[in-house]
Amino acid sequence: MNYSPFLRGVLVVARKDMRIYYRKAPVYIFGLLLPTFLFFAFFVGRQLDIPKYFPGFLAMSLFFTSSSVGPIIVPWEKQAGTFERLLSLPVSVTTIILGDMLAGALFGLLISTIIGVLGIALLGLSISNVLLLAVLFVLGNVCFAAMGELISSTGGRTPSNVMMLSALVRFPLIFISGVFVSLSEMSGIGAVVAYFSPLTYLVDGLDASMSQSSVIPWTVDILVLLLFTVLFAFGTRKLLRRNLMKGL
């Protein structure tokens, strides 16, 4: 099958990332284990309505998995000395960014789909809008994969430092985004801050698609996630160009 040089470059970069970074320990620790432990820490021993909170847990799982690949790619390759070789290939910075984003989004889509299907089947949840759920899955994974790339583009060649920065960014977001406390139950400054988090709009959209109470119109959820995706992608391109040779 014939592809344009640009599309072929994106696919080649994504395939390289999938073969190398899907097997890295930080991806599983920060992408799978942490959200699982947080979920059980919140629910074990408490008489809570799990179906009510499942959209938030699903959004959290999607958020962690899709944003766990991107932060390790650039520092790991700079540390291994392979980033220079990648730059010498006939690909642009935009191609590299989109390839990394695709790899992160596909990882998040795979894991979150498994969790979503199992959770919906075991809990007997009703899906009121299948199309909305599918759109949010794809858009959410792309958005947070782009966020992971933005964190990775800060420069440097030490993966542990970038993963610490990633944790510093991601952990506060899950506590202000309606995952553990519904957006409708928030008040004061917490309710205001929540609207600055892209995760808030994914949680609210998933609530709407699963017959749960949502606060924001689902069209707004989609538009805001699109806006964050564009901002993350452009921010990544600008930062990566600025820090291209940092740590080499």
Protein backbone atom coordinates (compact mmCIF):
# COMPACT_ATOMS: atom_id res chain seq x y z
CA MET A 1 0.00 0.00 0.00
CA ASN A 2 1.34 3.42 -0.99
CA TYR A 3 1.44 6.18 1.62
CA SER A 4 2.51 9.78 1.36
CA PRO A 5 6.03 10.40 2.75
CA PHE A 6 4.56 12.35 5.67
CA LEU A 7 2.05 9.65 6.65
CA ARG A 8 4.65 6.94 6.19
CA GLY A 9 7.03 8.82 8.49
CA VAL A 10 4.34 9.12 11.18
CA LEU A 11 3.55 5.41 10.98
CA VAL A 12 7.22 4.40 11.09
CA VAL A 13 7.86 6.54 14.18
CA ALA A 14 4.72 5.18 15.86
CA ARG A 15 5.71 1.59 15.08
CA LYS A 16 9.19 2.18 16.50
CA ASP A 17 7.69 3.60 19.70
CA MET A 18 5.25 0.71 20.03
CA ARG A 19 7.99 -1.90 19.67
CA ILE A 20 10.30 -0.24 22.18
CA TYR A 21 8.30 1.69 24.77
CA TYR A 22 5.23 -0.49 25.26
CA ARG A 23 7.51 -2.84 27.20
CA LYS A 24 9.10 -0.24 29.47
CA ALA A 25 8.38 -0.57 33.19
CA PRO A 26 7.39 3.11 33.75
CA VAL A 27 4.60 2.74 31.19
CA TYR A 28 2.97 -0.05 33.21
CA ILE A 29 3.70 1.47 36.60
CA PHE A 30 2.36 4.94 35.81
CA GLY A 31 -0.17 3.80 33.22
CA LEU A 32 -1.80 0.76 34.82
CA LEU A 33 -0.80 0.10 38.42
CA LEU A 34 -1.22 3.60 39.86
CA PRO A 35 -4.79 4.21 38.63
CA THR A 36 -5.78 0.70 39.77
CA PHE A 37 -4.37 1.28 43.26
CA LEU A 38 -6.05 4.68 43.46
CA PHE A 39 -9.38 3.14 42.51
CA PHE A 40 -9.18 0.42 45.17
CA ALA A 41 -7.89 2.85 47.79
CA PHE A 42 -10.95 5.00 47.19
CA PHE A 43 -13.59 2.26 47.10
CA VAL A 44 -12.44 -0.55 49.40
CA GLY A 45 -14.30 -0.47 52.71
CA ARG A 46 -16.70 2.26 51.58
CA GLN A 47 -20.33 1.75 50.63
CA LEU A 48 -20.27 3.68 47.38
CA ASP A 49 -22.25 3.34 44.19
CA ILE A 50 -19.57 1.94 41.88
CA PRO A 51 -21.63 2.30 38.66
CA LYS A 52 -21.99 6.00 39.44
CA TYR A 53 -18.23 6.46 39.70
CA PHE A 54 -17.24 4.07 36.92
CA PRO A 55 -17.17 6.74 34.15
CA GLY A 56 -14.70 8.69 36.27
CA PHE A 57 -12.54 5.63 36.85
CA LEU A 58 -12.64 4.84 33.13
CA ALA A 59 -11.61 8.41 32.32
CA MET A 60 -8.78 8.18 34.86
CA SER A 61 -7.55 4.91 33.33
CA LEU A 62 -7.67 6.41 29.84
CA PHE A 63 -5.89 9.51 31.10
CA PHE A 64 -3.03 7.61 32.75
CA THR A 65 -2.50 5.03 29.99
CA SER A 66 -2.53 7.41 27.03
CA SER A 67 -0.22 9.90 28.74
CA SER A 68 2.25 7.31 30.06
CA VAL A 69 4.14 6.55 26.82
CA GLY A 70 4.95 10.08 25.64
CA PRO A 71 6.92 11.35 28.66
CA ILE A 72 9.61 8.66 28.39
CA ILE A 73 10.29 8.70 24.64
CA VAL A 74 12.45 11.81 24.11
CA PRO A 75 14.53 11.59 27.34
CA TRP A 76 15.03 7.84 26.90
CA GLU A 77 16.23 8.28 23.31
CA LYS A 78 18.50 11.17 24.25
CA GLN A 79 19.99 9.06 27.03
CA ALA A 80 20.46 6.09 24.69
CA GLY A 81 21.97 8.29 21.98
CA THR A 82 19.35 7.37 19.37
CA PHE A 83 17.61 10.74 19.20
CA GLU A 84 20.38 12.17 17.01
CA ARG A 85 19.90 9.31 14.55
CA LEU A 86 16.18 10.00 14.43
CA LEU A 87 16.84 13.67 13.66
CA SER A 88 19.15 12.66 10.81
CA LEU A 89 16.33 10.81 9.04
CA PRO A 90 14.21 12.55 6.39
CA VAL A 91 11.40 13.33 8.85
CA SER A 92 10.29 16.63 10.36
CA VAL A 93 9.76 17.48 14.01
CA THR A 94 6.01 17.46 13.34
CA THR A 95 6.26 13.91 11.99
CA ILE A 96 8.11 12.76 15.11
CA ILE A 97 5.55 14.41 17.41
CA LEU A 98 2.56 12.91 15.59
CA GLY A 99 4.18 9.47 15.54
CA ASP A 100 4.81 9.61 19.28
CA MET A 101 1.25 10.84 19.86
CA LEU A 102 -0.17 8.00 17.76
CA ALA A 103 1.78 5.41 19.75
CA GLY A 104 0.57 6.85 23.06
CA ALA A 105 -3.03 7.14 21.88
CA LEU A 106 -3.13 3.56 20.59
CA PHE A 107 -1.76 2.22 23.88
CA GLY A 108 -4.36 4.17 25.83
CA LEU A 109 -7.13 3.13 23.45
CA LEU A 110 -6.24 -0.55 23.79
CA ILE A 111 -6.11 -0.60 27.59
CA SER A 112 -9.08 1.71 28.19
CA THR A 113 -11.24 -0.25 25.74
CA ILE A 114 -10.54 -3.48 27.62
CA ILE A 115 -11.32 -1.81 30.96
CA GLY A 116 -14.44 -0.15 29.53
CA VAL A 117 -15.87 -3.32 27.98
CA LEU A 118 -15.22 -5.41 31.10
CA GLY A 119 -16.59 -2.75 33.44
CA ILE A 120 -19.74 -2.14 31.43
CA ALA A 121 -20.39 -5.88 31.12
CA LEU A 122 -19.73 -6.73 34.78
CA LEU A 123 -21.60 -3.74 36.21
CA GLY A 124 -24.46 -3.96 33.74
CA LEU A 125 -24.21 -0.30 32.80
CA SER A 126 -26.47 1.12 30.11
CA ILE A 127 -24.95 3.14 27.29
CA SER A 128 -27.23 5.97 26.24
CA ASN A 129 -25.02 7.27 23.42
CA VAL A 130 -22.61 4.76 21.85
CA LEU A 131 -21.36 7.21 19.24
CA LEU A 132 -20.53 9.82 21.88
CA LEU A 133 -18.67 7.17 23.91
CA ALA A 134 -16.61 6.15 20.87
CA VAL A 135 -15.77 9.76 19.96
CA LEU A 136 -14.71 10.53 23.53
CA PHE A 137 -12.52 7.43 23.65
CA VAL A 138 -10.64 8.40 20.51
CA LEU A 139 -10.46 12.12 21.27
CA GLY A 140 -9.53 11.61 24.92
CA ASN A 141 -6.68 9.28 24.05
CA VAL A 142 -5.30 11.65 21.42
CA CYS A 143 -5.63 14.63 23.77
CA PHE A 144 -3.78 13.04 26.67
CA ALA A 145 -1.18 11.44 24.41
CA ALA A 146 -0.49 15.00 23.22
CA MET A 147 -0.23 16.11 26.85
CA GLY A 148 2.31 13.36 27.48
CA GLU A 149 4.32 14.60 24.51
CA LEU A 150 4.20 18.13 25.88
CA ILE A 151 5.71 16.93 29.16
CA SER A 152 8.37 14.97 27.27
CA SER A 153 9.40 18.00 25.19
CA THR A 154 10.67 19.94 28.21
CA GLY A 155 14.14 18.64 27.37
CA GLY A 156 16.80 16.74 29.24
CA ARG A 157 17.98 13.14 28.97
CA THR A 158 16.95 11.68 32.33
CA PRO A 159 13.68 9.71 32.07
CA SER A 160 13.18 9.65 35.85
CA ASN A 161 13.14 13.46 36.02
CA VAL A 162 10.53 13.68 33.27
CA MET A 163 8.40 10.98 34.91
CA MET A 164 8.51 12.93 38.18
CA LEU A 165 7.31 16.02 36.29
CA SER A 166 4.61 13.88 34.67
CA ALA A 167 3.40 12.68 38.07
CA LEU A 168 3.46 16.24 39.38
CA VAL A 169 1.17 17.30 36.54
CA ARG A 170 -1.14 14.29 36.37
CA PHE A 171 -1.90 13.59 40.02
CA PRO A 172 -3.41 17.01 40.85
CA LEU A 173 -5.59 16.77 37.73
CA ILE A 174 -7.37 13.60 38.84
CA PHE A 175 -8.38 15.19 42.15
CA ILE A 176 -9.89 18.34 40.60
CA SER A 177 -11.59 16.79 37.58
CA GLY A 178 -14.69 15.05 38.91
CA VAL A 179 -13.16 11.59 39.13
CA PHE A 180 -13.69 11.08 42.88
CA VAL A 181 -16.04 13.99 43.54
CA SER A 182 -18.75 14.69 41.00
CA LEU A 183 -18.59 18.05 39.27
CA SER A 184 -22.16 18.75 40.38
CA GLU A 185 -21.09 18.30 44.03
CA MET A 186 -18.15 20.71 43.85
CA SER A 187 -18.38 24.22 45.16
CA GLY A 188 -16.20 27.27 45.67
CA ILE A 189 -12.75 27.47 44.16
CA GLY A 190 -12.69 23.73 43.49
CA ALA A 191 -15.58 24.03 41.06
CA VAL A 192 -13.80 26.90 39.26
CA VAL A 193 -10.44 25.15 39.01
CA ALA A 194 -12.07 21.98 37.64
CA TYR A 195 -13.01 23.75 34.42
CA PHE A 196 -9.33 24.36 33.64
CA SER A 197 -8.62 20.62 33.52
CA PRO A 198 -9.11 18.70 30.24
CA LEU A 199 -9.88 15.57 32.26
CA THR A 200 -13.02 17.27 33.63
CA TYR A 201 -14.56 17.35 30.16
CA LEU A 202 -13.76 13.70 29.50
CA VAL A 203 -15.34 12.62 32.79
CA ASP A 204 -18.42 14.74 32.16
CA GLY A 205 -18.76 13.46 28.59
CA LEU A 206 -18.47 9.83 29.70
CA ASP A 207 -21.13 10.51 32.34
CA ALA A 208 -23.44 11.75 29.59
CA SER A 209 -22.76 8.72 27.40
CA MET A 210 -23.46 6.27 30.25
CA SER A 211 -26.76 7.70 31.47
CA GLN A 212 -25.15 9.44 34.44
CA SER A 213 -25.79 13.04 35.42
CA SER A 214 -23.57 15.48 33.50
CA VAL A 215 -23.15 19.21 34.04
CA ILE A 216 -21.67 20.39 30.75
CA PRO A 217 -23.32 19.86 27.33
CA TRP A 218 -21.54 17.02 25.56
CA THR A 219 -20.89 19.23 22.53
CA VAL A 220 -18.89 21.56 24.77
CA ASP A 221 -16.99 18.58 26.21
CA ILE A 222 -15.90 17.56 22.71
CA LEU A 223 -14.99 21.09 21.60
CA VAL A 224 -12.89 21.76 24.72
CA LEU A 225 -11.05 18.44 24.36
CA LEU A 226 -10.32 19.35 20.73
CA LEU A 227 -9.02 22.74 21.85
CA PHE A 228 -6.74 21.18 24.48
CA THR A 229 -5.45 18.68 21.90
CA VAL A 230 -4.47 21.47 19.51
CA LEU A 231 -2.87 23.50 22.31
CA PHE A 232 -0.87 20.51 23.56
CA ALA A 233 0.31 19.61 20.05
CA PHE A 234 1.38 23.15 19.17
CA GLY A 235 3.00 23.60 22.57
CA THR A 236 4.93 20.37 22.08
CA ARG A 237 6.17 21.48 18.65
CA LYS A 238 7.36 24.82 19.99
CA LEU A 239 9.08 23.38 23.06
CA LEU A 240 10.68 20.47 21.21
CA ARG A 241 12.14 22.80 18.59
CA ARG A 242 13.54 24.99 21.36
CA ASN A 243 14.98 22.05 23.33
CA LEU A 244 15.91 19.92 20.33
CA MET A 245 19.62 19.71 21.16
CA LYS A 246 19.26 19.89 24.93
CA GLY A 247 20.78 16.86 26.61
CA LEU A 248 22.49 15.53 23.47
